[in-house]
Each structure stands twice: as C-alpha cells, then as structure tokens.
C-alpha cells in the first residue's frame, strides 16, 4: 500500500486514527442525544461535509468518516465492494459506541448507507443525499458527462475541494472503486431496507436528478423526498443550513 499526501485535513472536530493498516479515520464533534454518521462519495474526502457537520453539531453528535483509499488514508490492496465499505463503517462507529446513528450518505456514500441499513436493521432513518447510480445512465461515459455538467454548476470552493481530493485519491483507486460503484444496483438493494429512507437532492443535479430520487422512493417501504430548488450535486455544501434542517426535522 502506498502512503498518500497527508497535508489537508477536514476543518471539523477531533481527528481519530482508527486503523492505520486499513486507512480509516474519523472526525467527531457536537453533543446531544441524537447522532449523525456522515459517509462521503467516491474519490472525495469528508472535507466537503464540513459546513453540514458544523450545522448538525449545534444540535447533535456528528461522526465524519474517512473511507479507506480516500482523503489522507491508505489505498487498500484491492477494490472494496459497497458492502465491505459498509462493514468498515459500522466497525468504525462501534469504536465510539455510536450504534444507532442516523446514517447520512452522499453520492456513492448512499450506496454504502443502504448496505449499512441492510446489515443492521433498526428504527433510525437512512438519509440519502444525491444517491448514485442513476439506473438510466449506468455507464462510465455518461457518469463522466454528468460529473462534468455538475462541475459547471458547483461554486468554485466545491470544485477546488473535489479537485484536490481526486488528486490525492489517484486514478487507479478511483477507477477500482468506480467499477464497484457501477456494479452495485441501489434501486434493487433499497427495496429490502426496513428503515425509513429520506431522499434529498438538488433540483439542478445532473448526476442524481429529482426524477431519479422519486424512482428510488417508489422502491422504498417508507420513503420521503425533499428537493432543494436551484441546487447542484453537492447541495450540503452550498446549502448546509437547509440540509441540516431537513435532516433534523425529518430523519
């Protein structure tokens, strides 16, 4: 395994190195009876969750997970499936005795969140922010096109964070993870989730458009959908107060 650049750190909470061998880190902050566990997407780190984490931490305990092969972490020797990422996430939250958090995934993190819900049924809601992969566009070329379109709609700050994270992630690990991401059919897996599912998206998100959110909701046992007007894919960075309010009131 190759050690990656460790210069940038998420501007939130206290850092905990949970497993140096597998490359798992956690940042924690906030206090309260409720807990939110945030799972980032492919190629990026937890940095873009910073604004949302700060908002949620005003009312609850927040756990900000850094997945293996992402951010400052080490690249595993092989690709990990969404279910394996989920197992690692649960093991990480167990270290903090956070056994009943509201799971909040973004983009590919939603696929991991669904697998977490299947691995451990419970009463807490799973919140999916801009979930991938749109079944109508399950192809590398189309996903690349939608990512390029979304880049033009995101503010400069978001694009700078994502570009830096992608550089640290590296092409090899990104492609390995992309194959697993495309192989995972969230629309099939979500039908077996017994928890309530809250789907949140941006009106102008080309990667996970509103019609895709409603298509997923039609597969859920207990769904709720919220769409933020004029927002792109990384809506929890551009509108953290609004997303935090939705999570606190509906999750």
C-alpha atoms as a PDB file:
ATOM      1  CA  UNK A   1       0.000   0.000   0.000  1.00  0.00           C
ATOM      2  CA  UNK A   2       1.224   3.477  -0.818  1.00  0.00           C
ATOM      3  CA  UNK A   3       1.053   6.313   1.673  1.00  0.00           C
ATOM      4  CA  UNK A   4      -0.730   9.349   0.280  1.00  0.00           C
ATOM      5  CA  UNK A   5      -0.230  13.058   0.747  1.00  0.00           C
ATOM      6  CA  UNK A   6      -1.337  13.923   4.295  1.00  0.00           C
ATOM      7  CA  UNK A   7      -1.320  17.711   4.149  1.00  0.00           C
ATOM      8  CA  UNK A   8      -5.030  18.583   4.026  1.00  0.00           C
ATOM      9  CA  UNK A   9      -7.423  17.883   6.898  1.00  0.00           C
ATOM     10  CA  UNK A  10     -11.155  18.375   7.251  1.00  0.00           C
ATOM     11  CA  UNK A  11     -11.878  21.584   9.197  1.00  0.00           C
ATOM     12  CA  UNK A  12     -14.232  19.854  11.620  1.00  0.00           C
ATOM     13  CA  UNK A  13     -13.974  18.251  15.029  1.00  0.00           C
ATOM     14  CA  UNK A  14     -11.397  15.990  16.607  1.00  0.00           C
ATOM     15  CA  UNK A  15      -9.384  13.570  14.465  1.00  0.00           C
ATOM     16  CA  UNK A  16      -9.166   9.884  15.421  1.00  0.00           C
ATOM     17  CA  UNK A  17      -6.964   7.421  13.517  1.00  0.00           C
ATOM     18  CA  UNK A  18      -8.891   4.163  13.920  1.00  0.00           C
ATOM     19  CA  UNK A  19      -6.928   1.776  11.739  1.00  0.00           C
ATOM     20  CA  UNK A  20      -3.629   2.831  10.227  1.00  0.00           C
ATOM     21  CA  UNK A  21      -3.270  -0.502   8.396  1.00  0.00           C
ATOM     22  CA  UNK A  22      -6.562  -0.212   6.518  1.00  0.00           C
ATOM     23  CA  UNK A  23      -6.626   3.576   6.386  1.00  0.00           C
ATOM     24  CA  UNK A  24      -9.684   4.525   8.422  1.00  0.00           C
ATOM     25  CA  UNK A  25     -10.114   7.855  10.163  1.00  0.00           C
ATOM     26  CA  UNK A  26     -12.963   9.607  11.948  1.00  0.00           C
ATOM     27  CA  UNK A  27     -13.683  13.155  12.992  1.00  0.00           C
ATOM     28  CA  UNK A  28     -16.159  13.791  15.772  1.00  0.00           C
ATOM     29  CA  UNK A  29     -17.866  16.870  17.140  1.00  0.00           C
ATOM     30  CA  UNK A  30     -21.025  18.164  18.754  1.00  0.00           C
ATOM     31  CA  UNK A  31     -23.065  16.837  21.636  1.00  0.00           C
ATOM     32  CA  UNK A  32     -26.591  15.584  22.106  1.00  0.00           C
ATOM     33  CA  UNK A  33     -28.797  12.533  22.345  1.00  0.00           C
ATOM     34  CA  UNK A  34     -29.073  12.224  18.579  1.00  0.00           C
ATOM     35  CA  UNK A  35     -26.170  11.164  16.372  1.00  0.00           C
ATOM     36  CA  UNK A  36     -25.484  11.569  12.666  1.00  0.00           C
ATOM     37  CA  UNK A  37     -22.962   9.423  10.784  1.00  0.00           C
ATOM     38  CA  UNK A  38     -21.813  11.023   7.507  1.00  0.00           C
ATOM     39  CA  UNK A  39     -20.464   8.895   4.613  1.00  0.00           C
ATOM     40  CA  UNK A  40     -18.779  10.676   1.676  1.00  0.00           C
ATOM     41  CA  UNK A  41     -18.750   9.762  -2.005  1.00  0.00           C
ATOM     42  CA  UNK A  42     -16.249   8.336  -4.490  1.00  0.00           C
ATOM     43  CA  UNK A  43     -12.854   9.993  -4.841  1.00  0.00           C
ATOM     44  CA  UNK A  44     -13.521  12.734  -2.326  1.00  0.00           C
ATOM     45  CA  UNK A  45     -12.761  13.113   1.372  1.00  0.00           C
ATOM     46  CA  UNK A  46     -15.045  14.197   4.190  1.00  0.00           C
ATOM     47  CA  UNK A  47     -13.914  17.832   3.753  1.00  0.00           C
ATOM     48  CA  UNK A  48     -16.977  18.811   1.709  1.00  0.00           C
ATOM     49  CA  UNK A  49     -19.193  17.690   4.616  1.00  0.00           C
ATOM     50  CA  UNK A  50     -17.647  20.404   6.799  1.00  0.00           C
ATOM     51  CA  UNK A  51     -20.412  23.055   6.562  1.00  0.00           C
ATOM     52  CA  UNK A  52     -23.165  20.479   7.150  1.00  0.00           C
ATOM     53  CA  UNK A  53     -21.243  18.859  10.004  1.00  0.00           C
ATOM     54  CA  UNK A  54     -20.904  22.211  11.761  1.00  0.00           C
ATOM     55  CA  UNK A  55     -24.649  22.850  11.411  1.00  0.00           C
ATOM     56  CA  UNK A  56     -25.621  19.413  12.715  1.00  0.00           C
ATOM     57  CA  UNK A  57     -23.104  19.653  15.570  1.00  0.00           C
ATOM     58  CA  UNK A  58     -25.100  22.551  17.017  1.00  0.00           C
ATOM     59  CA  UNK A  59     -27.828  20.032  17.874  1.00  0.00           C
ATOM     60  CA  UNK A  60     -26.337  16.520  17.830  1.00  0.00           C
ATOM     61  CA  UNK A  61     -23.249  14.353  17.917  1.00  0.00           C
ATOM     62  CA  UNK A  62     -21.642  14.094  14.475  1.00  0.00           C
ATOM     63  CA  UNK A  63     -19.341  11.362  13.136  1.00  0.00           C
ATOM     64  CA  UNK A  64     -17.445  12.180   9.965  1.00  0.00           C
ATOM     65  CA  UNK A  65     -15.936   9.025   8.474  1.00  0.00           C
ATOM     66  CA  UNK A  66     -12.960   8.949   6.101  1.00  0.00           C
ATOM     67  CA  UNK A  67     -13.196   5.837   3.928  1.00  0.00           C
ATOM     68  CA  UNK A  68     -10.171   3.670   3.021  1.00  0.00           C
ATOM     69  CA  UNK A  69      -8.349   4.901  -0.063  1.00  0.00           C
ATOM     70  CA  UNK A  70      -9.799   8.417   0.254  1.00  0.00           C
ATOM     71  CA  UNK A  71      -8.525  11.676   1.677  1.00  0.00           C
ATOM     72  CA  UNK A  72      -5.370  11.138   3.729  1.00  0.00           C
ATOM     73  CA  UNK A  73      -5.916   7.404   4.040  1.00  0.00           C
ATOM     74  CA  UNK A  74      -4.015   4.490   2.610  1.00  0.00           C
ATOM     75  CA  UNK A  75      -5.122   2.666  -0.515  1.00  0.00           C
ATOM     76  CA  UNK A  76      -6.187  -0.925   0.230  1.00  0.00           C
ATOM     77  CA  UNK A  77      -4.564  -3.732  -1.714  1.00  0.00           C
ATOM     78  CA  UNK A  78      -7.765  -4.440  -3.635  1.00  0.00           C
ATOM     79  CA  UNK A  79     -11.069  -2.811  -4.522  1.00  0.00           C
ATOM     80  CA  UNK A  80     -13.775  -2.856  -1.860  1.00  0.00           C
ATOM     81  CA  UNK A  81     -17.434  -3.572  -2.527  1.00  0.00           C
ATOM     82  CA  UNK A  82     -20.142  -1.296  -1.165  1.00  0.00           C
ATOM     83  CA  UNK A  83     -20.973  -3.983   1.413  1.00  0.00           C
ATOM     84  CA  UNK A  84     -17.332  -4.122   2.535  1.00  0.00           C
ATOM     85  CA  UNK A  85     -17.208  -0.350   2.883  1.00  0.00           C
ATOM     86  CA  UNK A  86     -20.379  -0.658   4.990  1.00  0.00           C
ATOM     87  CA  UNK A  87     -18.802  -3.253   7.279  1.00  0.00           C
ATOM     88  CA  UNK A  88     -15.799  -0.990   7.797  1.00  0.00           C
ATOM     89  CA  UNK A  89     -18.103   1.940   8.549  1.00  0.00           C
ATOM     90  CA  UNK A  90     -20.058   0.004  11.185  1.00  0.00           C
ATOM     91  CA  UNK A  91     -16.838  -1.212  12.799  1.00  0.00           C
ATOM     92  CA  UNK A  92     -15.643   2.397  12.951  1.00  0.00           C
ATOM     93  CA  UNK A  93     -18.823   3.712  14.557  1.00  0.00           C
ATOM     94  CA  UNK A  94     -18.787   0.832  17.038  1.00  0.00           C
ATOM     95  CA  UNK A  95     -15.461   2.139  18.340  1.00  0.00           C
ATOM     96  CA  UNK A  96     -17.365   5.193  19.569  1.00  0.00           C
ATOM     97  CA  UNK A  97     -20.398   3.178  20.699  1.00  0.00           C
ATOM     98  CA  UNK A  98     -22.431   5.007  18.053  1.00  0.00           C
ATOM     99  CA  UNK A  99     -24.650   2.011  17.353  1.00  0.00           C
ATOM    100  CA  UNK A 100     -27.842   3.871  16.449  1.00  0.00           C
ATOM    101  CA  UNK A 101     -26.900   6.941  14.399  1.00  0.00           C
ATOM    102  CA  UNK A 102     -28.890   8.457  11.575  1.00  0.00           C
ATOM    103  CA  UNK A 103     -26.827   7.313   8.586  1.00  0.00           C
ATOM    104  CA  UNK A 104     -26.288  10.093   6.046  1.00  0.00           C
ATOM    105  CA  UNK A 105     -24.690   9.179   2.735  1.00  0.00           C
ATOM    106  CA  UNK A 106     -23.815  11.430  -0.182  1.00  0.00           C
ATOM    107  CA  UNK A 107     -23.461  10.227  -3.779  1.00  0.00           C
ATOM    108  CA  UNK A 108     -21.666   6.828  -3.617  1.00  0.00           C
ATOM    109  CA  UNK A 109     -21.899   7.137   0.158  1.00  0.00           C
ATOM    110  CA  UNK A 110     -25.633   6.497  -0.284  1.00  0.00           C
ATOM    111  CA  UNK A 111     -24.889   3.060  -1.705  1.00  0.00           C
ATOM    112  CA  UNK A 112     -22.774   2.332   1.362  1.00  0.00           C
ATOM    113  CA  UNK A 113     -25.529   3.707   3.599  1.00  0.00           C
ATOM    114  CA  UNK A 114     -28.082   1.341   2.050  1.00  0.00           C
ATOM    115  CA  UNK A 115     -25.783  -1.614   2.680  1.00  0.00           C
ATOM    116  CA  UNK A 116     -25.346  -0.436   6.271  1.00  0.00           C
ATOM    117  CA  UNK A 117     -29.106  -0.422   6.673  1.00  0.00           C
ATOM    118  CA  UNK A 118     -29.323  -3.957   5.340  1.00  0.00           C
ATOM    119  CA  UNK A 119     -26.535  -5.196   7.587  1.00  0.00           C
ATOM    120  CA  UNK A 120     -28.134  -3.778  10.740  1.00  0.00           C
ATOM    121  CA  UNK A 121     -31.889  -3.170  10.760  1.00  0.00           C
ATOM    122  CA  UNK A 122     -33.021  -0.506  13.199  1.00  0.00           C
ATOM    123  CA  UNK A 123     -35.518   2.296  13.800  1.00  0.00           C
ATOM    124  CA  UNK A 124     -33.249   5.148  12.675  1.00  0.00           C
ATOM    125  CA  UNK A 125     -33.743   6.722   9.268  1.00  0.00           C
ATOM    126  CA  UNK A 126     -31.237   6.416   6.444  1.00  0.00           C
ATOM    127  CA  UNK A 127     -30.756   9.764   4.687  1.00  0.00           C
ATOM    128  CA  UNK A 128     -29.551   9.641   1.086  1.00  0.00           C
ATOM    129  CA  UNK A 129     -28.181  12.887  -0.352  1.00  0.00           C
ATOM    130  CA  UNK A 130     -27.944  12.810  -4.163  1.00  0.00           C
ATOM    131  CA  UNK A 131     -27.737   8.988  -4.394  1.00  0.00           C
ATOM    132  CA  UNK A 132     -25.893   7.206  -7.183  1.00  0.00           C
ATOM    133  CA  UNK A 133     -26.025   5.427  -9.592  1.00  0.00           C
ATOM    134  CA  UNK A 134     -28.892   6.606 -11.798  1.00  0.00           C
ATOM    135  CA  UNK A 135     -30.071   3.333 -13.368  1.00  0.00           C
ATOM    136  CA  UNK A 136     -30.889   5.100 -16.638  1.00  0.00           C
ATOM    137  CA  UNK A 137     -27.242   6.169 -17.019  1.00  0.00           C
ATOM    138  CA  UNK A 138     -25.197   3.277 -15.651  1.00  0.00           C
ATOM    139  CA  UNK A 139     -22.164   3.768 -17.907  1.00  0.00           C
ATOM    140  CA  UNK A 140     -18.727   5.265 -17.375  1.00  0.00           C
ATOM    141  CA  UNK A 141     -19.083   7.746 -20.243  1.00  0.00           C
ATOM    142  CA  UNK A 142     -22.461   9.003 -19.068  1.00  0.00           C
ATOM    143  CA  UNK A 143     -21.314   9.302 -15.463  1.00  0.00           C
ATOM    144  CA  UNK A 144     -18.283  11.279 -16.620  1.00  0.00           C
ATOM    145  CA  UNK A 145     -20.510  13.573 -18.673  1.00  0.00           C
ATOM    146  CA  UNK A 146     -22.850  14.216 -15.733  1.00  0.00           C
ATOM    147  CA  UNK A 147     -19.889  14.907 -13.457  1.00  0.00           C
ATOM    148  CA  UNK A 148     -18.571  17.467 -15.953  1.00  0.00           C
ATOM    149  CA  UNK A 149     -22.006  19.087 -16.178  1.00  0.00           C
ATOM    150  CA  UNK A 150     -22.272  19.301 -12.410  1.00  0.00           C
ATOM    151  CA  UNK A 151     -18.799  20.871 -12.155  1.00  0.00           C
ATOM    152  CA  UNK A 152     -20.103  23.815 -14.173  1.00  0.00           C
ATOM    153  CA  UNK A 153     -22.949  24.234 -11.672  1.00  0.00           C
ATOM    154  CA  UNK A 154     -20.941  23.984  -8.465  1.00  0.00           C
ATOM    155  CA  UNK A 155     -19.292  27.004  -6.801  1.00  0.00           C
ATOM    156  CA  UNK A 156     -15.535  27.430  -7.077  1.00  0.00           C
ATOM    157  CA  UNK A 157     -14.966  26.342  -3.471  1.00  0.00           C
ATOM    158  CA  UNK A 158     -16.604  22.956  -4.024  1.00  0.00           C
ATOM    159  CA  UNK A 159     -14.696  22.320  -7.238  1.00  0.00           C
ATOM    160  CA  UNK A 160     -11.400  23.175  -5.532  1.00  0.00           C
ATOM    161  CA  UNK A 161     -12.071  20.698  -2.717  1.00  0.00           C
ATOM    162  CA  UNK A 162     -13.113  17.920  -5.103  1.00  0.00           C
ATOM    163  CA  UNK A 163     -10.166  18.506  -7.462  1.00  0.00           C
ATOM    164  CA  UNK A 164      -7.720  18.291  -4.563  1.00  0.00           C
ATOM    165  CA  UNK A 165      -9.401  15.159  -3.196  1.00  0.00           C
ATOM    166  CA  UNK A 166      -9.439  13.450  -6.588  1.00  0.00           C
ATOM    167  CA  UNK A 167      -5.729  14.177  -6.973  1.00  0.00           C
ATOM    168  CA  UNK A 168      -4.982  12.589  -3.590  1.00  0.00           C
ATOM    169  CA  UNK A 169      -7.268   9.638  -4.301  1.00  0.00           C
ATOM    170  CA  UNK A 170      -5.473   8.844  -7.537  1.00  0.00           C
ATOM    171  CA  UNK A 171      -6.772   7.492 -10.851  1.00  0.00           C
ATOM    172  CA  UNK A 172      -6.061   3.834 -10.061  1.00  0.00           C
ATOM    173  CA  UNK A 173      -8.074   3.700  -6.838  1.00  0.00           C
ATOM    174  CA  UNK A 174     -10.835   5.889  -8.302  1.00  0.00           C
ATOM    175  CA  UNK A 175     -11.280   3.504 -11.247  1.00  0.00           C
ATOM    176  CA  UNK A 176     -11.265   0.444  -8.974  1.00  0.00           C
ATOM    177  CA  UNK A 177     -13.945   1.991  -6.797  1.00  0.00           C
ATOM    178  CA  UNK A 178     -15.927   3.214  -9.814  1.00  0.00           C
ATOM    179  CA  UNK A 179     -16.251  -0.366 -11.076  1.00  0.00           C
ATOM    180  CA  UNK A 180     -17.698  -1.446  -7.730  1.00  0.00           C
ATOM    181  CA  UNK A 181     -19.962   1.595  -7.630  1.00  0.00           C
ATOM    182  CA  UNK A 182     -21.411   0.824 -11.069  1.00  0.00           C
ATOM    183  CA  UNK A 183     -21.820  -2.859 -10.208  1.00  0.00           C
ATOM    184  CA  UNK A 184     -23.950  -2.011  -7.172  1.00  0.00           C
ATOM    185  CA  UNK A 185     -27.660  -1.598  -8.005  1.00  0.00           C
ATOM    186  CA  UNK A 186     -29.023   0.659  -5.294  1.00  0.00           C
ATOM    187  CA  UNK A 187     -32.502   0.536  -6.838  1.00  0.00           C
ATOM    188  CA  UNK A 188     -32.647  -3.196  -6.115  1.00  0.00           C
ATOM    189  CA  UNK A 189     -30.973  -3.147  -2.714  1.00  0.00           C
ATOM    190  CA  UNK A 190     -33.044  -0.282  -1.346  1.00  0.00           C
ATOM    191  CA  UNK A 191     -36.234  -2.312  -1.714  1.00  0.00           C
ATOM    192  CA  UNK A 192     -35.057  -4.587   1.112  1.00  0.00           C
ATOM    193  CA  UNK A 193     -34.284  -1.799   3.597  1.00  0.00           C
ATOM    194  CA  UNK A 194     -36.716  -1.931   6.521  1.00  0.00           C
ATOM    195  CA  UNK A 195     -35.796   1.501   7.863  1.00  0.00           C
ATOM    196  CA  UNK A 196     -37.374   4.770   6.792  1.00  0.00           C
ATOM    197  CA  UNK A 197     -35.490   6.361   3.876  1.00  0.00           C
ATOM    198  CA  UNK A 198     -35.156  10.111   3.384  1.00  0.00           C
ATOM    199  CA  UNK A 199     -34.005  11.092  -0.123  1.00  0.00           C
ATOM    200  CA  UNK A 200     -32.625  14.617  -0.540  1.00  0.00           C
ATOM    201  CA  UNK A 201     -31.429  16.133  -3.795  1.00  0.00           C
ATOM    202  CA  UNK A 202     -30.808  19.282  -5.749  1.00  0.00           C
ATOM    203  CA  UNK A 203     -33.176  20.479  -8.449  1.00  0.00           C
ATOM    204  CA  UNK A 204     -30.240  21.107 -10.803  1.00  0.00           C
ATOM    205  CA  UNK A 205     -28.249  17.967 -10.029  1.00  0.00           C
ATOM    206  CA  UNK A 206     -27.468  16.152 -13.329  1.00  0.00           C
ATOM    207  CA  UNK A 207     -25.952  13.146 -11.529  1.00  0.00           C
ATOM    208  CA  UNK A 208     -28.921  12.361  -9.259  1.00  0.00           C
ATOM    209  CA  UNK A 209     -31.831  14.355 -10.726  1.00  0.00           C
ATOM    210  CA  UNK A 210     -35.205  14.649  -8.956  1.00  0.00           C
ATOM    211  CA  UNK A 211     -36.834  12.014 -11.165  1.00  0.00           C
ATOM    212  CA  UNK A 212     -34.208   9.511 -10.011  1.00  0.00           C
ATOM    213  CA  UNK A 213     -34.964  10.336  -6.365  1.00  0.00           C
ATOM    214  CA  UNK A 214     -38.643   9.634  -6.957  1.00  0.00           C
ATOM    215  CA  UNK A 215     -37.824   6.414  -8.808  1.00  0.00           C
ATOM    216  CA  UNK A 216     -35.850   5.216  -5.786  1.00  0.00           C
ATOM    217  CA  UNK A 217     -38.613   6.357  -3.441  1.00  0.00           C
ATOM    218  CA  UNK A 218     -41.053   4.145  -5.347  1.00  0.00           C
ATOM    219  CA  UNK A 219     -38.909   1.144  -4.340  1.00  0.00           C
ATOM    220  CA  UNK A 220     -38.740   2.033  -0.631  1.00  0.00           C
ATOM    221  CA  UNK A 221     -41.043   0.728   2.084  1.00  0.00           C
ATOM    222  CA  UNK A 222     -41.193   4.074   3.918  1.00  0.00           C
ATOM    223  CA  UNK A 223     -39.796   6.914   1.783  1.00  0.00           C
ATOM    224  CA  UNK A 224     -39.750  10.697   1.957  1.00  0.00           C
ATOM    225  CA  UNK A 225     -38.327  13.018  -0.705  1.00  0.00           C
ATOM    226  CA  UNK A 226     -37.010  16.579  -0.390  1.00  0.00           C
ATOM    227  CA  UNK A 227     -35.682  18.578  -3.361  1.00  0.00           C
ATOM    228  CA  UNK A 228     -33.795  21.845  -2.866  1.00  0.00           C
ATOM    229  CA  UNK A 229     -34.514  24.448  -5.527  1.00  0.00           C
ATOM    230  CA  UNK A 230     -31.665  25.537  -7.814  1.00  0.00           C
ATOM    231  CA  UNK A 231     -29.097  23.285  -6.102  1.00  0.00           C
ATOM    232  CA  UNK A 232     -26.453  21.020  -7.720  1.00  0.00           C
ATOM    233  CA  UNK A 233     -24.997  17.681  -6.590  1.00  0.00           C
ATOM    234  CA  UNK A 234     -23.088  18.884  -3.518  1.00  0.00           C
ATOM    235  CA  UNK A 235     -26.089  20.667  -2.029  1.00  0.00           C
ATOM    236  CA  UNK A 236     -24.995  20.020   1.574  1.00  0.00           C
ATOM    237  CA  UNK A 237     -22.028  22.340   0.952  1.00  0.00           C
ATOM    238  CA  UNK A 238     -23.935  25.043  -0.902  1.00  0.00           C
ATOM    239  CA  UNK A 239     -26.999  24.935   1.391  1.00  0.00           C
ATOM    240  CA  UNK A 240     -25.823  23.389   4.689  1.00  0.00           C
ATOM    241  CA  UNK A 241     -28.436  25.109   6.842  1.00  0.00           C
ATOM    242  CA  UNK A 242     -31.295  23.863   4.680  1.00  0.00           C
ATOM    243  CA  UNK A 243     -29.971  20.300   4.509  1.00  0.00           C
ATOM    244  CA  UNK A 244     -29.316  20.253   8.256  1.00  0.00           C
ATOM    245  CA  UNK A 245     -32.851  21.440   8.908  1.00  0.00           C
ATOM    246  CA  UNK A 246     -34.280  18.681   6.716  1.00  0.00           C
ATOM    247  CA  UNK A 247     -32.198  16.051   8.482  1.00  0.00           C
ATOM    248  CA  UNK A 248     -33.030  17.303  11.975  1.00  0.00           C
ATOM    249  CA  UNK A 249     -36.750  17.603  11.285  1.00  0.00           C
ATOM    250  CA  UNK A 250     -37.391  14.577   9.064  1.00  0.00           C
ATOM    251  CA  UNK A 251     -34.709  11.976   9.803  1.00  0.00           C
END
